[in-house]
Protein backbone atom coordinates (compact mmCIF):
# COMPACT_ATOMS: atom_id res chain seq x y z
CA MET A 1 -53.24 -31.81 -72.31
CA LYS A 2 -56.66 -30.43 -71.38
CA ALA A 3 -59.30 -32.61 -70.03
CA ARG A 4 -62.98 -32.09 -69.40
CA ILE A 5 -65.26 -34.15 -66.72
CA LEU A 6 -69.30 -33.78 -67.46
CA VAL A 7 -72.26 -34.98 -66.28
CA ILE A 8 -75.05 -35.58 -67.93
CA THR A 9 -77.04 -32.22 -65.32
CA ALA A 10 -80.38 -34.14 -65.56
CA PHE A 11 -79.77 -37.27 -64.83
CA LEU A 12 -76.92 -36.35 -62.12
CA PHE A 13 -80.08 -34.30 -60.64
CA LEU A 14 -82.08 -37.41 -61.17
CA TYR A 15 -79.54 -39.72 -59.31
CA VAL A 16 -79.08 -38.01 -56.43
CA ASN A 17 -82.57 -37.27 -55.28
CA SER A 18 -83.08 -40.71 -55.86
CA LEU A 19 -80.24 -41.95 -54.09
CA PHE A 20 -81.78 -43.58 -50.87
CA SER A 21 -84.79 -45.22 -53.32
CA GLN A 22 -83.15 -47.69 -53.63
CA CYS A 23 -80.97 -50.24 -51.16
CA ILE A 24 -77.88 -49.87 -53.63
CA SER A 25 -76.76 -47.58 -55.41
CA VAL A 26 -73.12 -47.70 -58.08
CA GLU A 27 -71.59 -44.42 -58.68
CA LEU A 28 -69.36 -43.27 -60.89
CA SER A 29 -66.79 -40.25 -60.12
CA VAL A 30 -63.43 -39.28 -62.04
CA THR A 31 -60.31 -38.17 -60.20
CA TRP A 32 -57.52 -37.45 -60.79
CA LYS A 33 -53.38 -38.17 -59.34
CA MET A 34 -50.07 -38.16 -59.79
CA GLY A 35 -48.05 -40.66 -61.34
CA HIS A 36 -45.44 -41.43 -63.84
CA ASP A 37 -45.49 -41.14 -67.75
CA ILE A 38 -45.48 -44.71 -68.67
CA PHE A 39 -42.94 -43.81 -71.69
CA LYS A 40 -40.82 -41.25 -69.39
CA LYS A 41 -40.65 -43.07 -65.79
CA ASP A 42 -38.91 -40.00 -64.49
CA SER A 43 -41.56 -37.68 -65.96
CA ILE A 44 -44.68 -37.06 -63.49
CA VAL A 45 -47.62 -36.70 -64.99
CA SER A 46 -51.70 -36.64 -63.80
CA ILE A 47 -53.81 -39.32 -64.32
CA PRO A 48 -57.91 -39.33 -64.39
CA ILE A 49 -59.76 -42.57 -62.17
CA LEU A 50 -62.68 -43.56 -62.60
CA ASN A 51 -64.35 -44.90 -59.45
CA ILE A 52 -66.95 -46.61 -58.91
CA THR A 53 -68.52 -46.48 -55.23
CA TYR A 54 -70.69 -48.69 -53.58
CA HIS A 55 -72.82 -47.61 -51.41
CA ASN A 56 -75.76 -49.61 -48.85
CA ASN A 57 -78.40 -47.80 -48.52
CA CYS A 58 -80.92 -50.20 -46.44
CA ASP A 59 -81.19 -51.54 -43.43
CA THR A 60 -79.87 -55.07 -43.88
CA ASN A 61 -76.25 -56.35 -44.72
CA TYR A 62 -76.09 -57.19 -48.71
CA TYR A 63 -73.68 -58.98 -50.71
CA PHE A 64 -74.00 -59.12 -54.43
CA PHE A 65 -71.86 -59.54 -57.80
CA LYS A 66 -69.66 -56.30 -58.33
CA VAL A 67 -70.96 -54.57 -62.06
CA SER A 68 -66.95 -54.70 -63.08
CA PRO A 69 -63.82 -56.53 -61.25
CA ARG A 70 -61.23 -55.48 -59.91
CA LYS A 71 -58.02 -56.34 -61.27
CA ASP A 72 -55.26 -54.45 -59.96
CA GLY A 73 -57.13 -51.37 -61.66
CA THR A 74 -56.85 -52.30 -65.04
CA PRO A 75 -59.83 -51.67 -66.72
CA MET A 76 -60.68 -54.69 -68.98
CA ILE A 77 -61.72 -54.01 -72.31
CA LEU A 78 -63.86 -56.42 -75.37
CA PHE A 79 -61.57 -57.11 -78.14
CA PRO A 80 -61.06 -60.07 -79.71
CA ALA A 81 -58.00 -60.99 -79.41
CA SER A 82 -57.32 -62.54 -82.88
CA LEU A 83 -57.19 -58.67 -83.90
CA ASN A 84 -54.59 -57.85 -81.73
CA SER A 85 -50.95 -57.86 -82.76
CA GLN A 86 -48.82 -61.38 -82.45
CA ASP A 87 -45.54 -59.82 -82.90
CA ASN A 88 -43.60 -59.35 -78.94
CA ASP A 89 -43.44 -55.39 -79.50
CA ASP A 90 -45.57 -54.10 -76.84
CA LEU A 91 -44.12 -51.00 -76.59
CA GLY A 92 -44.14 -50.70 -80.50
CA ARG A 93 -47.62 -51.20 -80.17
CA ALA A 94 -48.62 -48.46 -77.62
CA LYS A 95 -46.72 -45.66 -79.25
CA ARG A 96 -48.62 -46.37 -82.75
CA HIS A 97 -51.91 -45.75 -80.68
CA ARG A 98 -54.33 -43.60 -83.05
CA ASN A 99 -55.93 -40.07 -81.57
CA TYR A 100 -59.35 -39.58 -81.19
CA VAL A 101 -59.55 -36.88 -80.94
CA ASN A 102 -63.23 -35.26 -80.52
CA GLN A 103 -64.74 -38.63 -81.42
CA ASN A 104 -67.62 -39.99 -79.13
CA PHE A 105 -67.66 -43.47 -77.53
CA ASN A 106 -69.82 -45.26 -74.57
CA VAL A 107 -67.73 -47.62 -72.20
CA ILE A 108 -70.30 -50.22 -71.08
CA ILE A 109 -69.19 -51.16 -68.01
CA GLY A 110 -70.91 -54.31 -66.20
CA SER A 111 -72.03 -57.78 -68.63
CA GLU A 112 -73.74 -61.06 -67.69
CA PRO A 113 -72.13 -62.44 -65.10
CA LEU A 114 -69.47 -64.13 -66.44
CA TYR A 115 -65.43 -64.55 -64.38
CA ASN A 116 -64.17 -62.25 -66.90
CA ALA A 117 -66.12 -59.41 -67.33
CA TYR A 118 -64.80 -56.40 -70.30
CA TRP A 119 -66.03 -52.65 -71.05
CA VAL A 120 -67.39 -52.87 -74.11
CA ILE A 121 -66.31 -49.23 -75.83
CA PHE A 122 -68.54 -48.70 -78.86
CA SER A 123 -69.60 -45.23 -80.44
CA ASP A 124 -71.89 -43.19 -79.61
CA THR A 125 -73.66 -43.32 -83.27
CA ILE A 126 -74.24 -47.33 -82.49
CA ASP A 127 -77.21 -48.36 -80.55
CA TYR A 128 -75.65 -50.59 -78.70
CA HIS A 129 -79.14 -52.90 -78.08
CA LYS A 130 -79.44 -53.08 -81.89
CA GLU A 131 -75.98 -53.31 -83.19
CA PHE A 132 -72.24 -53.83 -82.28
CA SER A 133 -68.98 -53.86 -84.11
CA PHE A 134 -65.30 -53.23 -82.77
CA GLU A 135 -64.26 -50.16 -82.69
CA GLY A 136 -60.35 -49.38 -83.32
CA VAL A 137 -59.98 -47.34 -79.61
CA GLY A 138 -60.00 -50.47 -78.79
CA LEU A 139 -57.47 -52.35 -79.92
CA ASP A 140 -55.29 -49.38 -79.19
CA LEU A 141 -56.18 -49.67 -75.81
CA ASN A 142 -55.94 -53.37 -75.24
CA ASN A 143 -51.94 -52.16 -76.28
CA ILE A 144 -51.42 -49.94 -73.92
CA TYR A 145 -52.88 -51.42 -71.11
CA ASP A 146 -50.95 -54.77 -72.81
CA PHE A 147 -47.52 -52.55 -72.34
CA ILE A 148 -48.35 -51.06 -68.28
CA TYR A 149 -49.58 -54.61 -67.24
CA PRO A 150 -47.92 -57.13 -69.00
CA GLU A 151 -48.38 -59.76 -67.03
CA HIS A 152 -51.15 -59.46 -65.55
CA TYR A 153 -53.01 -58.18 -68.67
CA LYS A 154 -52.06 -61.34 -70.61
CA ASN A 155 -53.01 -63.49 -67.59
CA TYR A 156 -56.08 -62.39 -67.37
CA LYS A 157 -56.85 -62.75 -70.84
CA LYS A 158 -56.11 -66.55 -70.20
CA MET A 159 -59.13 -66.60 -67.65
CA PRO A 160 -62.10 -68.79 -67.98
CA ALA A 161 -65.19 -67.01 -69.22
CA TYR A 162 -67.46 -68.76 -66.83
CA PHE A 163 -67.64 -69.77 -63.37
CA ILE A 164 -67.56 -73.88 -62.18
CA PRO A 165 -71.34 -74.72 -60.30
CA SER A 166 -69.14 -75.35 -57.11
CA ASP A 167 -68.51 -71.65 -57.34
CA ALA A 168 -71.62 -71.00 -55.73
CA THR A 169 -71.17 -71.81 -52.93
CA PRO A 170 -71.32 -70.23 -49.64
CA ASP A 171 -67.84 -70.70 -48.71
CA THR A 172 -66.32 -70.38 -51.89
CA ILE A 173 -67.99 -66.40 -52.14
CA ILE A 174 -66.93 -65.57 -49.17
CA SER A 175 -63.49 -66.60 -48.49
CA GLY A 176 -62.64 -68.74 -51.41
CA SER A 177 -60.74 -67.70 -55.08
CA ILE A 178 -64.32 -66.06 -56.03
CA ASN A 179 -64.41 -63.27 -53.34
CA ASP A 180 -63.12 -60.46 -55.12
CA GLN A 181 -65.80 -60.04 -57.42
CA PHE A 182 -68.15 -59.74 -55.24
CA VAL A 183 -69.32 -56.54 -52.67
CA PHE A 184 -69.81 -57.08 -49.09
CA LEU A 185 -71.90 -54.02 -47.44
CA LYS A 186 -73.41 -53.76 -43.63
CA PRO A 187 -75.97 -51.00 -43.67
CA GLY A 188 -73.91 -47.56 -44.47
CA GLU A 189 -71.53 -49.48 -45.70
CA ILE A 190 -69.88 -48.07 -48.78
CA HIS A 191 -66.96 -50.02 -51.11
CA ILE A 192 -64.75 -48.01 -53.44
CA ASP A 193 -63.21 -49.96 -56.01
CA THR A 194 -60.85 -47.95 -58.86
CA TYR A 195 -59.83 -48.06 -62.71
CA ASN A 196 -56.36 -46.35 -64.16
CA LEU A 197 -57.73 -44.77 -67.41
CA ILE A 198 -54.19 -43.64 -68.19
CA GLY A 199 -54.15 -45.08 -72.06
CA TYR A 200 -57.61 -42.91 -72.45
CA LYS A 201 -55.87 -40.04 -71.92
CA MET A 202 -53.27 -40.77 -74.43
CA VAL A 203 -55.91 -41.52 -77.31
CA GLU A 204 -57.94 -38.65 -75.84
CA GLY A 205 -61.70 -38.45 -77.39
CA CYS A 206 -64.47 -38.38 -75.42
CA PHE A 207 -65.37 -41.30 -72.81
CA THR A 208 -69.10 -41.94 -71.60
CA PHE A 209 -69.23 -44.37 -68.83
CA LEU A 210 -72.06 -45.86 -67.61
CA ILE A 211 -73.46 -48.93 -66.48
CA ASP A 212 -75.13 -51.68 -67.95
CA LYS A 213 -78.63 -51.65 -66.37
CA ASP A 214 -78.75 -55.50 -65.82
CA ALA A 215 -75.06 -55.78 -64.33
CA ILE A 216 -75.77 -56.15 -60.55
CA GLU A 217 -78.38 -60.20 -61.17
CA ASN A 218 -78.71 -63.32 -58.77
CA TYR A 219 -76.69 -65.91 -61.09
CA VAL A 220 -74.00 -66.92 -62.36
CA LEU A 221 -73.15 -68.61 -65.63
CA THR A 222 -71.32 -72.15 -66.55
CA TYR A 223 -70.58 -73.94 -69.50
CA GLY A 224 -70.89 -77.25 -69.99
CA ARG A 225 -71.89 -80.53 -72.43
CA MET A 226 -75.36 -78.41 -73.03
CA GLY A 227 -74.08 -75.40 -73.61
CA TYR A 228 -74.24 -72.54 -70.36
CA GLU A 229 -76.17 -72.76 -67.45
CA LYS A 230 -77.47 -70.47 -64.90
CA ILE A 231 -76.90 -70.89 -61.78
CA GLU A 232 -78.32 -69.09 -58.94
CA LEU A 233 -76.53 -67.88 -56.13
CA PRO A 234 -76.71 -68.97 -52.56
CA ALA A 235 -80.01 -66.38 -50.53
CA ILE A 236 -77.46 -66.56 -47.58
CA VAL A 237 -74.02 -65.99 -46.98
CA GLY A 238 -72.70 -65.62 -43.92
CA GLU A 239 -74.27 -62.83 -42.18
CA TYR A 240 -75.42 -61.81 -45.58
CA GLN A 241 -78.71 -61.71 -47.96
CA LEU A 242 -77.86 -61.46 -51.84
CA PHE A 243 -79.10 -58.33 -53.79
CA SER A 244 -80.20 -58.38 -57.26
CA GLY A 245 -81.85 -56.41 -59.23
CA ALA A 246 -82.74 -52.26 -59.47
CA PHE A 247 -80.57 -49.74 -58.32
CA ASN A 248 -79.73 -46.43 -58.97
CA THR A 249 -76.60 -45.58 -60.37
CA ASN A 250 -75.15 -42.49 -62.73
CA LYS A 251 -73.18 -41.68 -66.20
CA VAL A 252 -69.96 -39.36 -66.50
CA THR A 253 -68.82 -38.48 -69.57
CA VAL A 254 -64.19 -37.65 -69.88
CA CYS A 255 -62.96 -35.66 -72.63
CA PHE A 256 -59.27 -35.57 -72.69
CA GLY A 257 -58.11 -33.57 -76.01
CA GLY A 258 -59.66 -30.65 -77.67
CA LYS A 259 -61.18 -27.38 -77.40
């Protein structure tokens, strides 16, 4: 099965030349590693990995929200649970996935700062900011990852969408239950999260991964009787200052199958 990695040249050129013009940059890249076929455990295959690399380009210690929480390398895909099959045949659903060769999709990483942030997948013919419809590819990817990470994936879907007010405290952020939602970087440091893209390879097609321009916010969302509420994150957590706002990034397109 062929796979091509395409990076929009002009965009990447601007990204590289302005890498240090912002204090924080978030770089997307794709690498490959060898691993077991999910249906044939004795068979070794090449597995694509999406890397999200956070850079601190300034002389200040910063902490900030990850653009996507890393849950054991599992990409969480937004798709209504009610549209998913209710049978218990995880293997059957994974194997029945459709093929999307020569179709093009955008994958938005990063959303409002919720406890369980999802990736949003949609056709590249849709203007994400004006209209939205759930794509069948999202259901197929959900079924594949349900099979690969059965307990973790199902448990993640059961997590609360919103934070609670006590989460937005320095102690909870730096050493509590939501610590893995944040990046903590000293000057010159980097942090890398990795995500298994084997599901995307299986369904084929072209996927452009990009980060929401508003992915690094300075608040968390809580929900109560009056609806959802924004609670600002503390300006200082330990030896780290809060970072939010503009950051440098890029996008990467991976095509599986086809010509």
